[in-house]
Full PDB file with SEQRES, HELIX, SHEET, SSBOND, CRYST1, ORIGX, SCALE, CONECT and MASTER records, all heavy atoms in Angstrom:
SEQRES   1 A   37  LEU MET ASP THR HIS LEU SER CYS VAL LEU GLU LYS ARG          
SEQRES   2 A   37  LYS ASN ALA VAL LEU CYS SER ASN MET GLU PHE ARG VAL          
SEQRES   3 A   37  ASP GLY LYS PRO ASP ASP LYS ILE ASN GLU GLN                  
HELIX    1 AA1 THR A    4  LEU A   18  1                                  15    
HELIX    2 AA2 ASP A   32  GLU A   36  1                                   5    
SHEET    1 AA1 2 ARG A  25  VAL A  26  0                                        
SHEET    2 AA1 2 LYS A  29  PRO A  30 -1                                        
CRYST1    1.000    1.000    1.000  90.00  90.00  90.00 P 1           1          
ORIGX1      1.000000  0.000000  0.000000        0.00000                         
ORIGX2      0.000000  1.000000  0.000000        0.00000                         
ORIGX3      0.000000  0.000000  1.000000        0.00000                         
SCALE1      1.000000  0.000000  0.000000        0.00000                         
SCALE2      0.000000  1.000000  0.000000        0.00000                         
SCALE3      0.000000  0.000000  1.000000        0.00000                         
ATOM      1  N   LEU A   1     110.317 129.473  99.736  1.00  0.00           N  
ATOM      2  CA  LEU A   1     108.986 128.833  99.651  1.00  0.00           C  
ATOM      3  C   LEU A   1     107.880 129.761 100.139  1.00  0.00           C  
ATOM      4  O   LEU A   1     106.711 129.414  99.997  1.00  0.00           O  
ATOM      5  CB  LEU A   1     108.987 127.552 100.457  1.00  0.00           C  
ATOM      6  CG  LEU A   1     109.712 126.359  99.794  1.00  0.00           C  
ATOM      7  CD1 LEU A   1     109.751 125.175 100.733  1.00  0.00           C  
ATOM      8  CD2 LEU A   1     109.049 125.982  98.479  1.00  0.00           C  
ATOM      9  N   MET A   2     108.245 130.937 100.685  1.00  0.00           N  
ATOM     10  CA  MET A   2     107.253 131.952 101.012  1.00  0.00           C  
ATOM     11  C   MET A   2     106.744 132.633  99.745  1.00  0.00           C  
ATOM     12  O   MET A   2     105.740 133.324  99.788  1.00  0.00           O  
ATOM     13  CB  MET A   2     107.846 133.012 101.985  1.00  0.00           C  
ATOM     14  CG  MET A   2     108.328 132.406 103.302  1.00  0.00           C  
ATOM     15  SD  MET A   2     106.983 131.817 104.338  1.00  0.00           S  
ATOM     16  CE  MET A   2     106.199 133.344 104.816  1.00  0.00           C  
ATOM     17  N   ASP A   3     107.456 132.463  98.638  1.00  0.00           N  
ATOM     18  CA  ASP A   3     107.026 133.042  97.365  1.00  0.00           C  
ATOM     19  C   ASP A   3     105.770 132.328  96.879  1.00  0.00           C  
ATOM     20  O   ASP A   3     105.703 131.096  96.807  1.00  0.00           O  
ATOM     21  CB  ASP A   3     108.132 132.917  96.319  1.00  0.00           C  
ATOM     22  CG  ASP A   3     107.776 133.530  94.997  1.00  0.00           C  
ATOM     23  OD1 ASP A   3     107.807 134.756  94.877  1.00  0.00           O  
ATOM     24  OD2 ASP A   3     107.425 132.765  94.078  1.00  0.00           O  
ATOM     25  N   THR A   4     104.761 133.115  96.572  1.00  0.00           N  
ATOM     26  CA  THR A   4     103.461 132.537  96.204  1.00  0.00           C  
ATOM     27  C   THR A   4     103.494 131.743  94.892  1.00  0.00           C  
ATOM     28  O   THR A   4     102.878 130.694  94.768  1.00  0.00           O  
ATOM     29  CB  THR A   4     102.385 133.637  96.083  1.00  0.00           C  
ATOM     30  OG1 THR A   4     102.834 134.658  95.173  1.00  0.00           O  
ATOM     31  CG2 THR A   4     102.134 134.270  97.455  1.00  0.00           C  
ATOM     32  N   HIS A   5     104.237 132.254  93.914  1.00  0.00           N  
ATOM     33  CA  HIS A   5     104.279 131.546  92.609  1.00  0.00           C  
ATOM     34  C   HIS A   5     105.012 130.223  92.732  1.00  0.00           C  
ATOM     35  O   HIS A   5     104.552 129.196  92.249  1.00  0.00           O  
ATOM     36  CB  HIS A   5     104.946 132.429  91.554  1.00  0.00           C  
ATOM     37  CG  HIS A   5     104.931 131.803  90.187  1.00  0.00           C  
ATOM     38  ND1 HIS A   5     103.838 131.852  89.333  1.00  0.00           N  
ATOM     39  CD2 HIS A   5     105.898 131.091  89.521  1.00  0.00           C  
ATOM     40  CE1 HIS A   5     104.120 131.220  88.229  1.00  0.00           C  
ATOM     41  NE2 HIS A   5     105.359 130.739  88.302  1.00  0.00           N  
ATOM     42  N   LEU A   6     106.140 130.219  93.427  1.00  0.00           N  
ATOM     43  CA  LEU A   6     106.906 128.982  93.591  1.00  0.00           C  
ATOM     44  C   LEU A   6     106.084 127.948  94.356  1.00  0.00           C  
ATOM     45  O   LEU A   6     106.013 126.784  93.948  1.00  0.00           O  
ATOM     46  CB  LEU A   6     108.217 129.281  94.315  1.00  0.00           C  
ATOM     47  CG  LEU A   6     109.087 128.026  94.652  1.00  0.00           C  
ATOM     48  CD1 LEU A   6     109.494 127.311  93.356  1.00  0.00           C  
ATOM     49  CD2 LEU A   6     110.325 128.456  95.424  1.00  0.00           C  
ATOM     50  N   SER A   7     105.494 128.336  95.458  1.00  0.00           N  
ATOM     51  CA  SER A   7     104.707 127.399  96.247  1.00  0.00           C  
ATOM     52  C   SER A   7     103.527 126.886  95.456  1.00  0.00           C  
ATOM     53  O   SER A   7     103.120 125.727  95.590  1.00  0.00           O  
ATOM     54  CB  SER A   7     104.249 128.060  97.553  1.00  0.00           C  
ATOM     55  OG  SER A   7     103.428 129.183  97.318  1.00  0.00           O  
ATOM     56  N   CYS A   8     102.937 127.754  94.605  1.00  0.00           N  
ATOM     57  CA  CYS A   8     101.780 127.352  93.783  1.00  0.00           C  
ATOM     58  C   CYS A   8     102.181 126.273  92.785  1.00  0.00           C  
ATOM     59  O   CYS A   8     101.471 125.228  92.673  1.00  0.00           O  
ATOM     60  CB  CYS A   8     101.210 128.565  93.049  1.00  0.00           C  
ATOM     61  SG  CYS A   8      99.893 128.191  91.870  1.00  0.00           S  
ATOM     62  N   VAL A   9     103.251 126.438  92.028  1.00  0.00           N  
ATOM     63  CA  VAL A   9     103.628 125.456  91.017  1.00  0.00           C  
ATOM     64  C   VAL A   9     104.104 124.165  91.663  1.00  0.00           C  
ATOM     65  O   VAL A   9     103.911 123.076  91.121  1.00  0.00           O  
ATOM     66  CB  VAL A   9     104.687 126.035  90.054  1.00  0.00           C  
ATOM     67  CG1 VAL A   9     104.101 127.186  89.234  1.00  0.00           C  
ATOM     68  CG2 VAL A   9     105.935 126.499  90.796  1.00  0.00           C  
ATOM     69  N   LEU A  10     104.740 124.251  92.851  1.00  0.00           N  
ATOM     70  CA  LEU A  10     105.122 123.045  93.539  1.00  0.00           C  
ATOM     71  C   LEU A  10     103.891 122.225  93.970  1.00  0.00           C  
ATOM     72  O   LEU A  10     103.832 121.002  93.807  1.00  0.00           O  
ATOM     73  CB  LEU A  10     105.963 123.386  94.782  1.00  0.00           C  
ATOM     74  CG  LEU A  10     107.407 123.826  94.541  1.00  0.00           C  
ATOM     75  CD1 LEU A  10     108.070 124.227  95.873  1.00  0.00           C  
ATOM     76  CD2 LEU A  10     108.215 122.730  93.877  1.00  0.00           C  
ATOM     77  N   GLU A  11     102.908 122.916  94.561  1.00  0.00           N  
ATOM     78  CA  GLU A  11     101.693 122.232  94.949  1.00  0.00           C  
ATOM     79  C   GLU A  11     100.957 121.659  93.749  1.00  0.00           C  
ATOM     80  O   GLU A  11     100.381 120.564  93.842  1.00  0.00           O  
ATOM     81  CB  GLU A  11     100.787 123.183  95.737  1.00  0.00           C  
ATOM     82  CG  GLU A  11     101.308 123.541  97.121  1.00  0.00           C  
ATOM     83  CD  GLU A  11     101.419 122.330  98.019  1.00  0.00           C  
ATOM     84  OE1 GLU A  11     100.466 121.500  98.009  1.00  0.00           O  
ATOM     85  OE2 GLU A  11     102.430 122.179  98.732  1.00  0.00           O  
ATOM     86  N   LYS A  12     100.927 122.368  92.662  1.00  0.00           N  
ATOM     87  CA  LYS A  12     100.283 121.901  91.444  1.00  0.00           C  
ATOM     88  C   LYS A  12     100.921 120.590  90.965  1.00  0.00           C  
ATOM     89  O   LYS A  12     100.206 119.649  90.604  1.00  0.00           O  
ATOM     90  CB  LYS A  12     100.329 122.960  90.356  1.00  0.00           C  
ATOM     91  CG  LYS A  12      99.611 122.551  89.068  1.00  0.00           C  
ATOM     92  CD  LYS A  12      99.657 123.654  88.038  1.00  0.00           C  
ATOM     93  CE  LYS A  12      98.926 123.250  86.768  1.00  0.00           C  
ATOM     94  NZ  LYS A  12      98.938 124.312  85.729  1.00  0.00           N  
ATOM     95  N   ARG A  13     102.233 120.531  90.957  1.00  0.00           N  
ATOM     96  CA  ARG A  13     102.917 119.346  90.479  1.00  0.00           C  
ATOM     97  C   ARG A  13     102.681 118.173  91.454  1.00  0.00           C  
ATOM     98  O   ARG A  13     102.433 117.054  91.015  1.00  0.00           O  
ATOM     99  CB  ARG A  13     104.417 119.610  90.318  1.00  0.00           C  
ATOM    100  CG  ARG A  13     105.224 118.372  89.911  1.00  0.00           C  
ATOM    101  CD  ARG A  13     106.597 118.725  89.480  1.00  0.00           C  
ATOM    102  NE  ARG A  13     107.422 117.552  89.243  1.00  0.00           N  
ATOM    103  CZ  ARG A  13     108.675 117.566  88.797  1.00  0.00           C  
ATOM    104  NH1 ARG A  13     109.228 118.734  88.466  1.00  0.00           N  
ATOM    105  NH2 ARG A  13     109.342 116.453  88.617  1.00  0.00           N  
ATOM    106  N   LYS A  14     102.745 118.423  92.754  1.00  0.00           N  
ATOM    107  CA  LYS A  14     102.527 117.381  93.745  1.00  0.00           C  
ATOM    108  C   LYS A  14     101.090 116.895  93.735  1.00  0.00           C  
ATOM    109  O   LYS A  14     100.829 115.677  93.823  1.00  0.00           O  
ATOM    110  CB  LYS A  14     102.922 117.832  95.139  1.00  0.00           C  
ATOM    111  CG  LYS A  14     104.432 118.079  95.299  1.00  0.00           C  
ATOM    112  CD  LYS A  14     104.749 118.727  96.635  1.00  0.00           C  
ATOM    113  CE  LYS A  14     104.328 117.880  97.794  1.00  0.00           C  
ATOM    114  NZ  LYS A  14     104.736 118.468  99.113  1.00  0.00           N  
ATOM    115  N   ASN A  15     100.146 117.829  93.628  1.00  0.00           N  
ATOM    116  CA  ASN A  15      98.735 117.453  93.673  1.00  0.00           C  
ATOM    117  C   ASN A  15      98.333 116.573  92.492  1.00  0.00           C  
ATOM    118  O   ASN A  15      97.389 115.775  92.593  1.00  0.00           O  
ATOM    119  CB  ASN A  15      97.861 118.685  93.721  1.00  0.00           C  
ATOM    120  CG  ASN A  15      97.924 119.395  95.053  1.00  0.00           C  
ATOM    121  OD1 ASN A  15      98.262 118.812  96.063  1.00  0.00           O  
ATOM    122  ND2 ASN A  15      97.583 120.701  95.056  1.00  0.00           N  
ATOM    123  N   ALA A  16      99.016 116.720  91.371  1.00  0.00           N  
ATOM    124  CA  ALA A  16      98.709 115.864  90.210  1.00  0.00           C  
ATOM    125  C   ALA A  16      98.924 114.393  90.553  1.00  0.00           C  
ATOM    126  O   ALA A  16      98.200 113.547  90.092  1.00  0.00           O  
ATOM    127  CB  ALA A  16      99.549 116.291  89.020  1.00  0.00           C  
ATOM    128  N   VAL A  17      99.913 114.089  91.383  1.00  0.00           N  
ATOM    129  CA  VAL A  17     100.157 112.719  91.804  1.00  0.00           C  
ATOM    130  C   VAL A  17      99.297 112.357  93.014  1.00  0.00           C  
ATOM    131  O   VAL A  17      98.725 111.270  93.076  1.00  0.00           O  
ATOM    132  CB  VAL A  17     101.665 112.516  92.164  1.00  0.00           C  
ATOM    133  CG1 VAL A  17     101.920 111.079  92.627  1.00  0.00           C  
ATOM    134  CG2 VAL A  17     102.536 112.848  90.965  1.00  0.00           C  
ATOM    135  N   LEU A  18      99.163 113.272  93.969  1.00  0.00           N  
ATOM    136  CA  LEU A  18      98.400 113.003  95.179  1.00  0.00           C  
ATOM    137  C   LEU A  18      96.921 112.761  94.891  1.00  0.00           C  
ATOM    138  O   LEU A  18      96.255 112.065  95.626  1.00  0.00           O  
ATOM    139  CB  LEU A  18      98.554 114.152  96.164  1.00  0.00           C  
ATOM    140  CG  LEU A  18      99.964 114.358  96.741  1.00  0.00           C  
ATOM    141  CD1 LEU A  18     100.024 115.631  97.626  1.00  0.00           C  
ATOM    142  CD2 LEU A  18     100.393 113.150  97.564  1.00  0.00           C  
ATOM    143  N   CYS A  19      96.417 113.356  93.814  1.00  0.00           N  
ATOM    144  CA  CYS A  19      95.009 113.193  93.456  1.00  0.00           C  
ATOM    145  C   CYS A  19      94.780 111.983  92.572  1.00  0.00           C  
ATOM    146  O   CYS A  19      93.640 111.708  92.178  1.00  0.00           O  
ATOM    147  CB  CYS A  19      94.491 114.453  92.751  1.00  0.00           C  
ATOM    148  SG  CYS A  19      94.397 115.916  93.821  1.00  0.00           S  
ATOM    149  N   SER A  20      95.826 111.233  92.249  1.00  0.00           N  
ATOM    150  CA  SER A  20      95.706 110.026  91.452  1.00  0.00           C  
ATOM    151  C   SER A  20      95.390 108.829  92.367  1.00  0.00           C  
ATOM    152  O   SER A  20      95.975 108.690  93.451  1.00  0.00           O  
ATOM    153  CB  SER A  20      96.996 109.766  90.664  1.00  0.00           C  
ATOM    154  OG  SER A  20      97.309 110.853  89.816  1.00  0.00           O  
ATOM    155  N   ASN A  21      94.502 107.981  91.924  1.00  0.00           N  
ATOM    156  CA  ASN A  21      94.176 106.775  92.698  1.00  0.00           C  
ATOM    157  C   ASN A  21      95.320 105.792  92.654  1.00  0.00           C  
ATOM    158  O   ASN A  21      95.921 105.546  91.603  1.00  0.00           O  
ATOM    159  CB  ASN A  21      92.901 106.121  92.167  1.00  0.00           C  
ATOM    160  CG  ASN A  21      91.685 106.979  92.364  1.00  0.00           C  
ATOM    161  OD1 ASN A  21      91.548 107.671  93.366  1.00  0.00           O  
ATOM    162  ND2 ASN A  21      90.753 106.959  91.407  1.00  0.00           N  
ATOM    163  N   MET A  22      95.632 105.204  93.816  1.00  0.00           N  
ATOM    164  CA  MET A  22      96.697 104.216  93.929  1.00  0.00           C  
ATOM    165  C   MET A  22      96.159 102.963  94.560  1.00  0.00           C  
ATOM    166  O   MET A  22      95.308 103.024  95.454  1.00  0.00           O  
ATOM    167  CB  MET A  22      97.874 104.784  94.744  1.00  0.00           C  
ATOM    168  CG  MET A  22      99.085 103.839  94.806  1.00  0.00           C  
ATOM    169  SD  MET A  22     100.445 104.468  95.806  1.00  0.00           S  
ATOM    170  CE  MET A  22     100.933 105.875  94.810  1.00  0.00           C  
ATOM    171  N   GLU A  23      96.671 101.828  94.140  1.00  0.00           N  
ATOM    172  CA  GLU A  23      96.267 100.528  94.676  1.00  0.00           C  
ATOM    173  C   GLU A  23      97.484  99.635  94.881  1.00  0.00           C  
ATOM    174  O   GLU A  23      98.522  99.818  94.252  1.00  0.00           O  
ATOM    175  CB  GLU A  23      95.290  99.826  93.738  1.00  0.00           C  
ATOM    176  CG  GLU A  23      93.864 100.375  93.751  1.00  0.00           C  
ATOM    177  CD  GLU A  23      92.910  99.534  92.933  1.00  0.00           C  
ATOM    178  OE1 GLU A  23      93.393  98.638  92.217  1.00  0.00           O  
ATOM    179  OE2 GLU A  23      91.693  99.798  92.988  1.00  0.00           O  
ATOM    180  N   PHE A  24      97.297  98.655  95.786  1.00  0.00           N  
ATOM    181  CA  PHE A  24      98.266  97.584  95.941  1.00  0.00           C  
ATOM    182  C   PHE A  24      97.589  96.300  95.484  1.00  0.00           C  
ATOM    183  O   PHE A  24      96.557  95.912  96.019  1.00  0.00           O  
ATOM    184  CB  PHE A  24      98.759  97.438  97.383  1.00  0.00           C  
ATOM    185  CG  PHE A  24      99.858  96.443  97.562  1.00  0.00           C  
ATOM    186  CD1 PHE A  24     101.155  96.805  97.327  1.00  0.00           C  
ATOM    187  CD2 PHE A  24      99.592  95.145  97.919  1.00  0.00           C  
ATOM    188  CE1 PHE A  24     102.195  95.887  97.463  1.00  0.00           C  
ATOM    189  CE2 PHE A  24     100.606  94.218  98.078  1.00  0.00           C  
ATOM    190  CZ  PHE A  24     101.925  94.585  97.857  1.00  0.00           C  
ATOM    191  N   ARG A  25      98.159  95.634  94.510  1.00  0.00           N  
ATOM    192  CA  ARG A  25      97.543  94.460  93.910  1.00  0.00           C  
ATOM    193  C   ARG A  25      98.438  93.243  94.057  1.00  0.00           C  
ATOM    194  O   ARG A  25      99.684  93.360  93.923  1.00  0.00           O  
ATOM    195  CB  ARG A  25      97.216  94.696  92.442  1.00  0.00           C  
ATOM    196  CG  ARG A  25      96.161  95.791  92.198  1.00  0.00           C  
ATOM    197  CD  ARG A  25      95.859  95.964  90.729  1.00  0.00           C  
ATOM    198  NE  ARG A  25      94.764  96.924  90.507  1.00  0.00           N  
ATOM    199  CZ  ARG A  25      94.310  97.246  89.306  1.00  0.00           C  
ATOM    200  NH1 ARG A  25      94.830  96.688  88.234  1.00  0.00           N  
ATOM    201  NH2 ARG A  25      93.325  98.129  89.197  1.00  0.00           N  
ATOM    202  N   VAL A  26      97.824  92.128  94.297  1.00  0.00           N  
ATOM    203  CA  VAL A  26      98.497  90.813  94.359  1.00  0.00           C  
ATOM    204  C   VAL A  26      97.837  89.920  93.312  1.00  0.00           C  
ATOM    205  O   VAL A  26      96.622  89.669  93.376  1.00  0.00           O  
ATOM    206  CB  VAL A  26      98.385  90.177  95.751  1.00  0.00           C  
ATOM    207  CG1 VAL A  26      99.107  88.845  95.761  1.00  0.00           C  
ATOM    208  CG2 VAL A  26      98.986  91.097  96.802  1.00  0.00           C  
ATOM    209  N   ASP A  27      98.613  89.487  92.345  1.00  0.00           N  
ATOM    210  CA  ASP A  27      98.093  88.666  91.245  1.00  0.00           C  
ATOM    211  C   ASP A  27      96.966  89.396  90.489  1.00  0.00           C  
ATOM    212  O   ASP A  27      95.980  88.776  90.088  1.00  0.00           O  
ATOM    213  CB  ASP A  27      97.621  87.314  91.715  1.00  0.00           C  
ATOM    214  CG  ASP A  27      98.744  86.483  92.318  1.00  0.00           C  
ATOM    215  OD1 ASP A  27      99.898  86.623  91.877  1.00  0.00           O  
ATOM    216  OD2 ASP A  27      98.455  85.669  93.248  1.00  0.00           O  
ATOM    217  N   GLY A  28      97.127  90.703  90.359  1.00  0.00           N  
ATOM    218  CA  GLY A  28      96.148  91.500  89.618  1.00  0.00           C  
ATOM    219  C   GLY A  28      94.917  91.869  90.387  1.00  0.00           C  
ATOM    220  O   GLY A  28      94.036  92.557  89.832  1.00  0.00           O  
ATOM    221  N   LYS A  29      94.784  91.433  91.650  1.00  0.00           N  
ATOM    222  CA  LYS A  29      93.608  91.723  92.451  1.00  0.00           C  
ATOM    223  C   LYS A  29      93.978  92.685  93.608  1.00  0.00           C  
ATOM    224  O   LYS A  29      95.034  92.517  94.225  1.00  0.00           O  
ATOM    225  CB  LYS A  29      93.003  90.458  93.018  1.00  0.00           C  
ATOM    226  CG  LYS A  29      92.533  89.477  91.925  1.00  0.00           C  
ATOM    227  CD  LYS A  29      91.930  88.229  92.560  1.00  0.00           C  
ATOM    228  CE  LYS A  29      91.459  87.249  91.490  1.00  0.00           C  
ATOM    229  NZ  LYS A  29      90.884  86.004  92.099  1.00  0.00           N  
ATOM    230  N   PRO A  30      93.100  93.663  93.910  1.00  0.00           N  
ATOM    231  CA  PRO A  30      93.414  94.601  95.002  1.00  0.00           C  
ATOM    232  C   PRO A  30      93.513  93.905  96.357  1.00  0.00           C  
ATOM    233  O   PRO A  30      92.763  92.990  96.660  1.00  0.00           O  
ATOM    234  CB  PRO A  30      92.212  95.566  94.979  1.00  0.00           C  
ATOM    235  CG  PRO A  30      91.645  95.425  93.605  1.00  0.00           C  
ATOM    236  CD  PRO A  30      91.864  94.016  93.207  1.00  0.00           C  
ATOM    237  N   ASP A  31      94.510  94.316  97.154  1.00  0.00           N  
ATOM    238  CA  ASP A  31      94.689  93.802  98.516  1.00  0.00           C  
ATOM    239  C   ASP A  31      94.025  94.793  99.492  1.00  0.00           C  
ATOM    240  O   ASP A  31      94.517  95.898  99.690  1.00  0.00           O  
ATOM    241  CB  ASP A  31      96.167  93.641  98.832  1.00  0.00           C  
ATOM    242  CG  ASP A  31      96.441  92.959 100.154  1.00  0.00           C  
ATOM    243  OD1 ASP A  31      96.032  93.516 101.220  1.00  0.00           O  
ATOM    244  OD2 ASP A  31      97.037  91.882 100.173  1.00  0.00           O  
ATOM    245  N   ASP A  32      92.914  94.374 100.076  1.00  0.00           N  
ATOM    246  CA  ASP A  32      92.116  95.294 100.898  1.00  0.00           C  
ATOM    247  C   ASP A  32      92.880  95.769 102.134  1.00  0.00           C  
ATOM    248  O   ASP A  32      92.751  96.927 102.529  1.00  0.00           O  
ATOM    249  CB  ASP A  32      90.823  94.594 101.345  1.00  0.00           C  
ATOM    250  CG  ASP A  32      89.904  94.306 100.168  1.00  0.00           C  
ATOM    251  OD1 ASP A  32      90.014  95.016  99.138  1.00  0.00           O  
ATOM    252  OD2 ASP A  32      89.051  93.400 100.290  1.00  0.00           O  
ATOM    253  N   LYS A  33      93.705  94.926 102.747  1.00  0.00           N  
ATOM    254  CA  LYS A  33      94.419  95.285 103.945  1.00  0.00           C  
ATOM    255  C   LYS A  33      95.414  96.407 103.691  1.00  0.00           C  
ATOM    256  O   LYS A  33      95.478  97.404 104.433  1.00  0.00           O  
ATOM    257  CB  LYS A  33      95.120  94.076 104.550  1.00  0.00           C  
ATOM    258  CG  LYS A  33      95.773  94.367 105.907  1.00  0.00           C  
ATOM    259  CD  LYS A  33      96.383  93.110 106.495  1.00  0.00           C  
ATOM    260  CE  LYS A  33      96.997  93.401 107.860  1.00  0.00           C  
ATOM    261  NZ  LYS A  33      97.601  92.161 108.448  1.00  0.00           N  
ATOM    262  N   ILE A  34      96.199  96.260 102.634  1.00  0.00           N  
ATOM    263  CA  ILE A  34      97.194  97.296 102.308  1.00  0.00           C  
ATOM    264  C   ILE A  34      96.518  98.520 101.722  1.00  0.00           C  
ATOM    265  O   ILE A  34      96.951  99.656 101.959  1.00  0.00           O  
ATOM    266  CB  ILE A  34      98.245  96.708 101.372  1.00  0.00           C  
ATOM    267  CG1 ILE A  34      98.999  95.564 102.073  1.00  0.00           C  
ATOM    268  CG2 ILE A  34      99.240  97.789 100.944  1.00  0.00           C  
ATOM    269  CD1 ILE A  34     100.081  94.929 101.231  1.00  0.00           C  
ATOM    270  N   ASN A  35      95.490  98.339 100.951  1.00  0.00           N  
ATOM    271  CA  ASN A  35      94.763  99.483 100.382  1.00  0.00           C  
ATOM    272  C   ASN A  35      94.123 100.340 101.455  1.00  0.00           C  
ATOM    273  O   ASN A  35      93.923 101.535 101.279  1.00  0.00           O  
ATOM    274  CB  ASN A  35      93.731  99.001  99.375  1.00  0.00           C  
ATOM    275  CG  ASN A  35      94.327  98.544  98.065  1.00  0.00           C  
ATOM    276  OD1 ASN A  35      95.383  99.037  97.645  1.00  0.00           O  
ATOM    277  ND2 ASN A  35      93.690  97.603  97.392  1.00  0.00           N  
ATOM    278  N   GLU A  36      93.796  99.732 102.592  1.00  0.00           N  
ATOM    279  CA  GLU A  36      93.303 100.503 103.734  1.00  0.00           C  
ATOM    280  C   GLU A  36      94.380 101.424 104.268  1.00  0.00           C  
ATOM    281  O   GLU A  36      94.099 102.567 104.650  1.00  0.00           O  
ATOM    282  CB  GLU A  36      92.792  99.561 104.814  1.00  0.00           C  
ATOM    283  CG  GLU A  36      92.035 100.249 105.932  1.00  0.00           C  
ATOM    284  CD  GLU A  36      91.493  99.302 106.971  1.00  0.00           C  
ATOM    285  OE1 GLU A  36      91.825  98.092 106.897  1.00  0.00           O  
ATOM    286  OE2 GLU A  36      90.692  99.732 107.827  1.00  0.00           O  
ATOM    287  N   GLN A  37      95.615 100.956 104.284  1.00  0.00           N  
ATOM    288  CA  GLN A  37      96.754 101.797 104.654  1.00  0.00           C  
ATOM    289  C   GLN A  37      96.974 102.915 103.629  1.00  0.00           C  
ATOM    290  O   GLN A  37      97.286 104.056 104.015  1.00  0.00           O  
ATOM    291  CB  GLN A  37      98.019 100.946 104.809  1.00  0.00           C  
ATOM    292  CG  GLN A  37      97.978  99.899 105.893  1.00  0.00           C  
ATOM    293  CD  GLN A  37      98.171 100.439 107.278  1.00  0.00           C  
ATOM    294  OE1 GLN A  37      98.559 101.605 107.473  1.00  0.00           O  
ATOM    295  NE2 GLN A  37      97.878  99.606 108.280  1.00  0.00           N  
TER     296      GLN A  37                                                      
MASTER        0    0    0    2    2    0    0    6  295    1    0    3          
END                                                                             
């Protein structure tokens, strides 16, 4: 993992998910308490 290319592509793949917005919904509506977590 000290290899720059390997660490770069790993971070690129992870960041694609980490930069996506996520929500917790109950009956189609956002739950503010859990979304705060």
